[in-house]
Structure formats: C-alpha cells, structure tokens
Amino acid sequence: MILTKAIRQEAEKWHGCKTGQRCLDEIKILYNNKINNEAWCAKFVWAMTNEACKKLGIANPLLQTASTATLLASARKTLRTDGTPGVGSIFYTTRTGGGHVGFVLNVDGNKFETIEGNTNNSSGEYGVFKKTRDTKTKEYQFIHLEDLDTFKNNFFAPLQFELELILGDPRTFLTTGIVLASGVTVWKLYKKNR
C-alpha cells in the first residue's frame, strides 16, 4: 500500500533519535513545535502520517492530538479498528499514566515489530526506536491505515511516490510500469535482485 509505505519511510528516518539530540526538536516542528515535556507518541504518529500524506497529496486521516485515547476514539469513527495487527496499522495499548501508540512494521503470528516515538530502548534511553511486541502479553487495538485507498484521493500519488523512491536510489529499482488488472490501474515497482 502506497500510504503505509510512505509513512514507514518517514518514520524510519527518525529511528534511533533520542532525548538530548537535535532530531527531537525537528520532530517537534513537524507537530507545530509543541512536544515540550509531555508524552509525544501520538504526536509522532500524527506527524509521520501527515508528512507522508503531504507527499502523496492527500488529507491526513488522523486527528491532530497528543492524547492516544482521543486518537483511537477519533480513528474508530472512520477507520477499521480491531485486535488483529496488520502491516501498516497503528497499535494502541494502555500503560501507566495513559496509552501508547506506534506503527506496525511487520507481523509474525502474535508478535509484531513496531517503530514508536516516546519509547525506551534496551539502554533505557527515550526516543524513536523499533521494538517487538506480543499480542499475548498485553491487550492491543489496531487502527488499520492500510485499508485506505490512495487512488480515491489522488490518482497520480502512487506514481509520484514511486518516482521519488527511484530517484532517491536508482540503482535499487529496474523499472515502473502500469498494469491493468480487472479494470483497475495498478502502479508496479520492480526491485532488482542483488
């Protein structure tokens, strides 16, 4: 899915960014410069989604809020939410002092890999890190961004995104093309085997 690929690309730019580094100030600017000392995981999710949506020329489907509970409640009105993780979905869980959200990168049975803001790494540092979580150890809700269809919003957005990928590293990709399948136009990106 084009939107979730774009979100993942934005989020992974910040992986390893931690407290005390300038990159956290840059994330604050993406969310109207208002992270301060409060929890900012929902702000990270909104900002990464917003950056991806701007590149694709579509509206951000998420409410701009610092509250994870408000983010979940708002998303439930327009997006599918359930207890099953999906690649590209946003996970929501409760923790001491409130909730926590982040993006699902991969799913393997009941385990899923994430990228999250305002979380700790194995050294106890706070920032943007990848983690592996397990649906059997906690209760999670998943907001399924991967269900969104960017073609409804902007027909050329998928091509524009893939061209940016190719221009970013042309050695990685062979070609793009248009494939007609069941009357639906699909953009295809062929990756070179290395």
C-alpha atoms as a PDB file:
ATOM      1  CA  MET A   1       0.000   0.000   0.000  1.00  0.00           C
ATOM      2  CA  ILE A   2       1.375   3.360  -1.008  1.00  0.00           C
ATOM      3  CA  LEU A   3       0.298   5.352   2.082  1.00  0.00           C
ATOM      4  CA  THR A   4       1.728   2.889   4.597  1.00  0.00           C
ATOM      5  CA  LYS A   5       4.983   2.650   2.608  1.00  0.00           C
ATOM      6  CA  ALA A   6       5.254   6.423   2.687  1.00  0.00           C
ATOM      7  CA  ILE A   7       4.540   6.535   6.438  1.00  0.00           C
ATOM      8  CA  ARG A   8       7.109   3.834   7.111  1.00  0.00           C
ATOM      9  CA  GLN A   9       9.689   5.749   5.076  1.00  0.00           C
ATOM     10  CA  GLU A  10       9.021   8.906   7.117  1.00  0.00           C
ATOM     11  CA  ALA A  11       9.084   7.113  10.492  1.00  0.00           C
ATOM     12  CA  GLU A  12      12.258   5.158   9.787  1.00  0.00           C
ATOM     13  CA  LYS A  13      14.136   8.393   9.066  1.00  0.00           C
ATOM     14  CA  TRP A  14      13.932   9.088  12.818  1.00  0.00           C
ATOM     15  CA  HIS A  15      14.875   5.623  14.114  1.00  0.00           C
ATOM     16  CA  GLY A  16      17.491   5.986  16.857  1.00  0.00           C
ATOM     17  CA  CYS A  17      16.708   9.647  17.521  1.00  0.00           C
ATOM     18  CA  LYS A  18      16.799  10.088  21.302  1.00  0.00           C
ATOM     19  CA  THR A  19      16.426  12.574  24.117  1.00  0.00           C
ATOM     20  CA  GLY A  20      19.014  15.348  24.012  1.00  0.00           C
ATOM     21  CA  GLN A  21      19.509  15.180  20.249  1.00  0.00           C
ATOM     22  CA  ARG A  22      18.539  17.892  17.783  1.00  0.00           C
ATOM     23  CA  CYS A  23      16.374  15.455  15.800  1.00  0.00           C
ATOM     24  CA  LEU A  24      13.722  15.528  18.549  1.00  0.00           C
ATOM     25  CA  ASP A  25      13.412  19.285  18.025  1.00  0.00           C
ATOM     26  CA  GLU A  26      12.839  18.598  14.321  1.00  0.00           C
ATOM     27  CA  ILE A  27      10.037  16.149  15.169  1.00  0.00           C
ATOM     28  CA  LYS A  28       8.509  18.847  17.404  1.00  0.00           C
ATOM     29  CA  ILE A  29       8.466  21.258  14.471  1.00  0.00           C
ATOM     30  CA  LEU A  30       6.558  18.706  12.386  1.00  0.00           C
ATOM     31  CA  TYR A  31       3.873  18.775  15.097  1.00  0.00           C
ATOM     32  CA  ASN A  32       3.600  22.567  15.365  1.00  0.00           C
ATOM     33  CA  ASN A  33       6.556  22.776  17.765  1.00  0.00           C
ATOM     34  CA  LYS A  34       4.512  21.532  20.734  1.00  0.00           C
ATOM     35  CA  ILE A  35       6.029  18.418  22.282  1.00  0.00           C
ATOM     36  CA  ASN A  36       7.557  20.001  25.394  1.00  0.00           C
ATOM     37  CA  ASN A  37       7.977  17.523  28.258  1.00  0.00           C
ATOM     38  CA  GLU A  38       4.666  15.776  27.709  1.00  0.00           C
ATOM     39  CA  ALA A  39       4.159  12.361  26.136  1.00  0.00           C
ATOM     40  CA  TRP A  40       4.574  12.613  22.383  1.00  0.00           C
ATOM     41  CA  CYS A  41       3.963   9.153  20.901  1.00  0.00           C
ATOM     42  CA  ALA A  42       0.618  10.261  19.381  1.00  0.00           C
ATOM     43  CA  LYS A  43       2.277  13.398  18.052  1.00  0.00           C
ATOM     44  CA  PHE A  44       4.941  11.264  16.378  1.00  0.00           C
ATOM     45  CA  VAL A  45       2.273   9.060  14.764  1.00  0.00           C
ATOM     46  CA  TRP A  46       0.322  12.097  13.549  1.00  0.00           C
ATOM     47  CA  ALA A  47       3.436  13.920  12.255  1.00  0.00           C
ATOM     48  CA  MET A  48       4.755  10.914  10.297  1.00  0.00           C
ATOM     49  CA  THR A  49       1.325  10.288   8.788  1.00  0.00           C
ATOM     50  CA  ASN A  50       0.986  13.980   7.953  1.00  0.00           C
ATOM     51  CA  GLU A  51       4.386  14.116   6.228  1.00  0.00           C
ATOM     52  CA  ALA A  52       3.503  11.040   4.143  1.00  0.00           C
ATOM     53  CA  CYS A  53       0.089  12.456   3.250  1.00  0.00           C
ATOM     54  CA  LYS A  54       1.633  15.767   2.160  1.00  0.00           C
ATOM     55  CA  LYS A  55       3.976  13.905  -0.208  1.00  0.00           C
ATOM     56  CA  LEU A  56       1.064  11.919  -1.638  1.00  0.00           C
ATOM     57  CA  GLY A  57      -1.208  14.960  -1.921  1.00  0.00           C
ATOM     58  CA  ILE A  58      -3.942  13.508   0.287  1.00  0.00           C
ATOM     59  CA  ALA A  59      -5.572  14.553   3.553  1.00  0.00           C
ATOM     60  CA  ASN A  60      -4.281  13.183   6.847  1.00  0.00           C
ATOM     61  CA  PRO A  61      -6.962  10.764   8.138  1.00  0.00           C
ATOM     62  CA  LEU A  62      -5.832  11.194  11.777  1.00  0.00           C
ATOM     63  CA  LEU A  63      -6.920  13.789  14.287  1.00  0.00           C
ATOM     64  CA  GLN A  64      -4.055  16.027  15.432  1.00  0.00           C
ATOM     65  CA  THR A  65      -3.933  15.255  19.150  1.00  0.00           C
ATOM     66  CA  ALA A  66      -1.454  14.404  21.888  1.00  0.00           C
ATOM     67  CA  SER A  67      -3.986  12.082  23.526  1.00  0.00           C
ATOM     68  CA  THR A  68      -3.689   8.451  22.484  1.00  0.00           C
ATOM     69  CA  ALA A  69      -7.232   7.726  23.710  1.00  0.00           C
ATOM     70  CA  THR A  70      -8.612  10.622  21.654  1.00  0.00           C
ATOM     71  CA  LEU A  71      -6.638   9.451  18.611  1.00  0.00           C
ATOM     72  CA  LEU A  72      -8.137   5.956  18.943  1.00  0.00           C
ATOM     73  CA  ALA A  73     -11.679   7.244  19.530  1.00  0.00           C
ATOM     74  CA  SER A  74     -11.485   9.559  16.520  1.00  0.00           C
ATOM     75  CA  ALA A  75     -10.000   6.871  14.247  1.00  0.00           C
ATOM     76  CA  ARG A  76     -12.781   4.427  15.191  1.00  0.00           C
ATOM     77  CA  LYS A  77     -15.281   6.754  13.511  1.00  0.00           C
ATOM     78  CA  THR A  78     -13.734   6.361  10.052  1.00  0.00           C
ATOM     79  CA  LEU A  79     -11.163   3.544  10.101  1.00  0.00           C
ATOM     80  CA  ARG A  80     -11.390  -0.152  10.905  1.00  0.00           C
ATOM     81  CA  THR A  81     -10.081  -0.913  14.393  1.00  0.00           C
ATOM     82  CA  ASP A  82      -9.761  -4.362  15.937  1.00  0.00           C
ATOM     83  CA  GLY A  83      -7.445  -6.639  17.904  1.00  0.00           C
ATOM     84  CA  THR A  84      -5.530  -8.042  14.917  1.00  0.00           C
ATOM     85  CA  PRO A  85      -2.230  -6.416  13.859  1.00  0.00           C
ATOM     86  CA  GLY A  86      -1.674  -5.546  10.218  1.00  0.00           C
ATOM     87  CA  VAL A  87       1.425  -4.266   8.463  1.00  0.00           C
ATOM     88  CA  GLY A  88       0.993  -0.503   8.304  1.00  0.00           C
ATOM     89  CA  SER A  89      -1.541  -0.278  11.113  1.00  0.00           C
ATOM     90  CA  ILE A  90      -1.189   1.849  14.239  1.00  0.00           C
ATOM     91  CA  PHE A  91      -1.152  -0.064  17.507  1.00  0.00           C
ATOM     92  CA  TYR A  92      -2.748   1.288  20.676  1.00  0.00           C
ATOM     93  CA  THR A  93      -2.207  -0.046  24.188  1.00  0.00           C
ATOM     94  CA  THR A  94      -2.593   1.263  27.710  1.00  0.00           C
ATOM     95  CA  ARG A  95       0.327   1.803  30.046  1.00  0.00           C
ATOM     96  CA  THR A  96       0.918   3.569  33.337  1.00  0.00           C
ATOM     97  CA  GLY A  97      -0.246   7.154  33.006  1.00  0.00           C
ATOM     98  CA  GLY A  98      -2.265   6.641  29.805  1.00  0.00           C
ATOM     99  CA  GLY A  99      -1.960   4.978  26.437  1.00  0.00           C
ATOM    100  CA  HIS A 100       0.766   4.442  23.877  1.00  0.00           C
ATOM    101  CA  VAL A 101       0.751   4.254  20.064  1.00  0.00           C
ATOM    102  CA  GLY A 102       3.161   3.427  17.250  1.00  0.00           C
ATOM    103  CA  PHE A 103       3.326   1.912  13.780  1.00  0.00           C
ATOM    104  CA  VAL A 104       3.326  -1.810  12.960  1.00  0.00           C
ATOM    105  CA  LEU A 105       6.148  -2.654  10.533  1.00  0.00           C
ATOM    106  CA  ASN A 106       5.895  -6.444  10.351  1.00  0.00           C
ATOM    107  CA  VAL A 107       3.691  -9.194  11.759  1.00  0.00           C
ATOM    108  CA  ASP A 108       4.761 -12.751  12.616  1.00  0.00           C
ATOM    109  CA  GLY A 109       1.932 -14.670  14.265  1.00  0.00           C
ATOM    110  CA  ASN A 110       1.136 -12.992  17.578  1.00  0.00           C
ATOM    111  CA  LYS A 111       4.385 -10.954  17.503  1.00  0.00           C
ATOM    112  CA  PHE A 112       4.747  -7.687  15.648  1.00  0.00           C
ATOM    113  CA  GLU A 113       7.630  -5.287  15.001  1.00  0.00           C
ATOM    114  CA  THR A 114       6.993  -1.605  15.579  1.00  0.00           C
ATOM    115  CA  ILE A 115       8.527   1.819  15.258  1.00  0.00           C
ATOM    116  CA  GLU A 116       7.443   4.198  18.032  1.00  0.00           C
ATOM    117  CA  GLY A 117       8.147   7.649  19.352  1.00  0.00           C
ATOM    118  CA  ASN A 118       8.485   8.435  23.071  1.00  0.00           C
ATOM    119  CA  THR A 119       9.573   4.909  23.918  1.00  0.00           C
ATOM    120  CA  ASN A 120      12.689   3.461  25.501  1.00  0.00           C
ATOM    121  CA  ASN A 121      15.409   1.261  24.056  1.00  0.00           C
ATOM    122  CA  SER A 122      17.291  -1.538  25.827  1.00  0.00           C
ATOM    123  CA  SER A 123      19.645   1.062  27.379  1.00  0.00           C
ATOM    124  CA  GLY A 124      16.729   2.977  28.917  1.00  0.00           C
ATOM    125  CA  GLU A 125      17.109   5.968  26.579  1.00  0.00           C
ATOM    126  CA  TYR A 126      13.907   7.587  25.278  1.00  0.00           C
ATOM    127  CA  GLY A 127      13.293   8.457  21.647  1.00  0.00           C
ATOM    128  CA  VAL A 128      12.236   6.776  18.394  1.00  0.00           C
ATOM    129  CA  PHE A 129      13.001   3.064  18.390  1.00  0.00           C
ATOM    130  CA  LYS A 130      11.907  -0.225  16.861  1.00  0.00           C
ATOM    131  CA  LYS A 131      10.529  -2.889  19.181  1.00  0.00           C
ATOM    132  CA  THR A 132       8.983  -6.332  19.044  1.00  0.00           C
ATOM    133  CA  ARG A 133       5.662  -6.667  20.841  1.00  0.00           C
ATOM    134  CA  ASP A 134       3.410  -9.639  21.532  1.00  0.00           C
ATOM    135  CA  THR A 135      -0.390  -9.653  21.452  1.00  0.00           C
ATOM    136  CA  LYS A 136      -0.365 -12.401  24.096  1.00  0.00           C
ATOM    137  CA  THR A 137       1.378 -10.251  26.713  1.00  0.00           C
ATOM    138  CA  LYS A 138      -0.872  -7.154  26.511  1.00  0.00           C
ATOM    139  CA  GLU A 139      -4.161  -6.023  25.084  1.00  0.00           C
ATOM    140  CA  TYR A 140      -3.798  -4.048  21.845  1.00  0.00           C
ATOM    141  CA  GLN A 141      -6.114  -2.269  19.448  1.00  0.00           C
ATOM    142  CA  PHE A 142      -5.042  -1.687  15.849  1.00  0.00           C
ATOM    143  CA  ILE A 143      -6.090   1.218  13.629  1.00  0.00           C
ATOM    144  CA  HIS A 144      -5.910  -0.101  10.072  1.00  0.00           C
ATOM    145  CA  LEU A 145      -4.412   2.686   7.945  1.00  0.00           C
ATOM    146  CA  GLU A 146      -3.516   0.027   5.378  1.00  0.00           C
ATOM    147  CA  ASP A 147      -7.207  -0.105   4.417  1.00  0.00           C
ATOM    148  CA  LEU A 148      -7.054   3.382   2.905  1.00  0.00           C
ATOM    149  CA  ASP A 149      -7.059   3.616  -0.854  1.00  0.00           C
ATOM    150  CA  THR A 150      -4.890   6.473  -2.115  1.00  0.00           C
ATOM    151  CA  PHE A 151      -6.306   6.088  -5.636  1.00  0.00           C
ATOM    152  CA  LYS A 152      -9.614   7.513  -4.426  1.00  0.00           C
ATOM    153  CA  ASN A 153      -7.849  10.651  -3.255  1.00  0.00           C
ATOM    154  CA  ASN A 154      -5.148  11.265  -5.848  1.00  0.00           C
ATOM    155  CA  PHE A 155      -4.682   9.071  -8.914  1.00  0.00           C
ATOM    156  CA  PHE A 156      -1.084  10.214  -9.513  1.00  0.00           C
ATOM    157  CA  ALA A 157       0.097   9.921  -5.892  1.00  0.00           C
ATOM    158  CA  PRO A 158       1.338   6.313  -6.201  1.00  0.00           C
ATOM    159  CA  LEU A 159       3.411   7.124  -9.297  1.00  0.00           C
ATOM    160  CA  GLN A 160       4.831  10.264  -7.669  1.00  0.00           C
ATOM    161  CA  PHE A 161       5.847   8.308  -4.554  1.00  0.00           C
ATOM    162  CA  GLU A 162       7.492   5.518  -6.538  1.00  0.00           C
ATOM    163  CA  LEU A 163       9.355   8.002  -8.725  1.00  0.00           C
ATOM    164  CA  GLU A 164      10.729   9.616  -5.557  1.00  0.00           C
ATOM    165  CA  LEU A 165      11.951   6.180  -4.454  1.00  0.00           C
ATOM    166  CA  ILE A 166      13.632   5.558  -7.809  1.00  0.00           C
ATOM    167  CA  LEU A 167      15.240   8.996  -7.941  1.00  0.00           C
ATOM    168  CA  GLY A 168      16.402   8.579  -4.349  1.00  0.00           C
ATOM    169  CA  ASP A 169      18.338   5.405  -5.233  1.00  0.00           C
ATOM    170  CA  PRO A 170      18.010   4.488  -8.933  1.00  0.00           C
ATOM    171  CA  ARG A 171      20.392   1.508  -8.561  1.00  0.00           C
ATOM    172  CA  THR A 172      17.802  -0.314  -6.465  1.00  0.00           C
ATOM    173  CA  PHE A 173      14.974  -0.407  -8.995  1.00  0.00           C
ATOM    174  CA  LEU A 174      14.604  -1.747 -12.504  1.00  0.00           C
ATOM    175  CA  THR A 175      11.514  -0.003 -13.803  1.00  0.00           C
ATOM    176  CA  THR A 176       7.983   1.110 -13.071  1.00  0.00           C
ATOM    177  CA  GLY A 177       5.006   0.422 -15.237  1.00  0.00           C
ATOM    178  CA  ILE A 178       1.241   0.415 -15.375  1.00  0.00           C
ATOM    179  CA  VAL A 179      -0.538  -2.929 -15.180  1.00  0.00           C
ATOM    180  CA  LEU A 180      -4.249  -3.298 -15.842  1.00  0.00           C
ATOM    181  CA  ALA A 181      -5.789  -5.942 -13.607  1.00  0.00           C
ATOM    182  CA  SER A 182      -9.561  -6.463 -13.568  1.00  0.00           C
ATOM    183  CA  GLY A 183     -10.072  -2.986 -14.980  1.00  0.00           C
ATOM    184  CA  VAL A 184      -8.079  -1.339 -12.184  1.00  0.00           C
ATOM    185  CA  THR A 185      -4.919   0.603 -12.885  1.00  0.00           C
ATOM    186  CA  VAL A 186      -2.074  -0.511 -10.631  1.00  0.00           C
ATOM    187  CA  TRP A 187       1.399   1.009 -10.418  1.00  0.00           C
ATOM    188  CA  LYS A 188       4.103  -1.666 -10.256  1.00  0.00           C
ATOM    189  CA  LEU A 189       7.651  -1.259  -8.975  1.00  0.00           C
ATOM    190  CA  TYR A 190      10.137  -3.984  -9.841  1.00  0.00           C
ATOM    191  CA  LYS A 191      13.024  -4.379  -7.413  1.00  0.00           C
ATOM    192  CA  LYS A 192      16.387  -5.668  -8.645  1.00  0.00           C
ATOM    193  CA  ASN A 193      17.633  -8.909  -7.160  1.00  0.00           C
ATOM    194  CA  ARG A 194      21.042  -8.400  -5.559  1.00  0.00           C
END
